[in-house]
Protein backbone atom coordinates (compact mmCIF):
# COMPACT_ATOMS: atom_id res chain seq x y z
CA MET A 1 0.00 0.00 0.00
CA ALA A 2 2.85 2.43 0.75
CA ALA A 3 4.27 1.97 -2.76
CA HIS A 4 0.89 3.00 -4.18
CA ALA A 5 0.85 6.23 -2.15
CA ASP A 6 4.47 7.00 -3.05
CA SER A 7 3.82 6.47 -6.76
CA LEU A 8 0.83 8.79 -6.74
CA SER A 9 2.74 11.38 -4.70
CA ILE A 10 5.54 11.33 -7.26
CA ASP A 11 3.08 11.70 -10.15
CA TYR A 12 1.25 14.49 -8.32
CA SER A 13 4.55 16.32 -7.73
CA PHE A 14 5.27 15.98 -11.46
CA PHE A 15 1.82 17.42 -12.20
CA GLU A 16 2.38 20.37 -9.86
CA ALA A 17 5.80 21.09 -11.39
CA ASN A 18 4.20 21.33 -14.84
CA ARG A 19 0.79 22.76 -13.95
CA SER A 20 1.38 26.37 -15.01
CA GLU A 21 2.95 25.39 -18.34
CA TRP A 22 0.16 22.92 -19.13
CA ALA A 23 -2.53 25.41 -18.05
CA ASN A 24 -1.46 27.79 -20.82
CA GLN A 25 -2.43 25.36 -23.60
CA HIS A 26 -4.57 22.68 -21.93
CA ARG A 27 -6.68 24.50 -19.33
CA ASP A 28 -9.70 22.49 -18.16
CA GLU A 29 -8.52 19.35 -19.98
CA PHE A 30 -7.57 16.19 -18.09
CA VAL A 31 -3.98 15.03 -18.03
CA LEU A 32 -2.84 11.43 -17.71
CA VAL A 33 0.49 10.96 -15.89
CA CYS A 34 2.31 7.73 -15.06
CA LYS A 35 5.78 7.30 -13.57
CA ARG A 36 6.64 11.00 -13.91
CA ALA A 37 5.78 10.93 -17.60
CA LEU A 38 3.12 12.86 -19.47
CA VAL A 39 0.93 10.40 -21.35
CA GLY A 40 -1.58 12.82 -22.85
CA PHE A 41 -4.38 15.35 -22.50
CA TYR A 42 -8.06 14.47 -22.83
CA GLU A 43 -11.33 16.38 -23.02
CA THR A 44 -13.04 14.36 -20.27
CA TYR A 45 -12.03 12.51 -17.13
CA GLU A 46 -13.59 9.36 -18.55
CA ASP A 47 -11.46 9.53 -21.72
CA ALA A 48 -8.27 10.00 -19.70
CA TYR A 49 -9.16 7.18 -17.31
CA LYS A 50 -10.01 4.78 -20.15
CA ALA A 51 -6.73 5.64 -21.87
CA GLY A 52 -4.90 4.88 -18.62
CA LEU A 53 -6.61 1.52 -18.33
CA GLN A 54 -5.92 0.63 -21.96
CA THR A 55 -2.28 1.74 -21.78
CA PHE A 56 -1.28 0.49 -18.32
CA GLY A 57 -3.90 -2.06 -17.32
CA VAL A 58 -6.25 -2.39 -14.39
CA LYS A 59 -3.57 -3.15 -11.80
CA SER A 60 -1.30 -0.23 -12.66
CA GLN A 61 -1.17 3.13 -10.94
CA PHE A 62 -1.61 6.37 -12.86
CA LEU A 63 -2.85 9.88 -12.17
CA VAL A 64 -5.72 11.62 -13.94
CA LYS A 65 -6.06 15.29 -12.98
CA GLN A 66 -7.83 18.30 -14.42
CA VAL A 67 -5.47 21.05 -15.53
CA SER A 68 -6.16 24.47 -14.04
CA ALA A 69 -3.96 27.43 -13.19
CA VAL A 70 -4.92 27.18 -9.51
CA GLU A 71 -6.26 24.22 -7.56
CA PRO A 72 -9.98 24.81 -6.98
CA VAL A 73 -11.13 24.99 -3.39
CA PHE A 74 -14.40 23.36 -2.41
CA PHE A 75 -16.16 23.98 0.87
CA ILE A 76 -18.29 21.36 2.55
CA TYR A 77 -20.68 22.56 5.21
């Protein structure tokens, strides 16, 4: 389980390092990242997730994240 969290943390760090660059050309699209590598940009979360499953398989770990200039904040009351 720890390896899973570490892998996602590494991919998330890669996402954060590239967020502002990607936001210039791919704002509101969904990015697919695996092992600190950009796989592609997709119009919907579902398309990115399906591409991740097709490329890496069901048992692999990958990150799908929407590209925005700033991380949105949601409040739950």
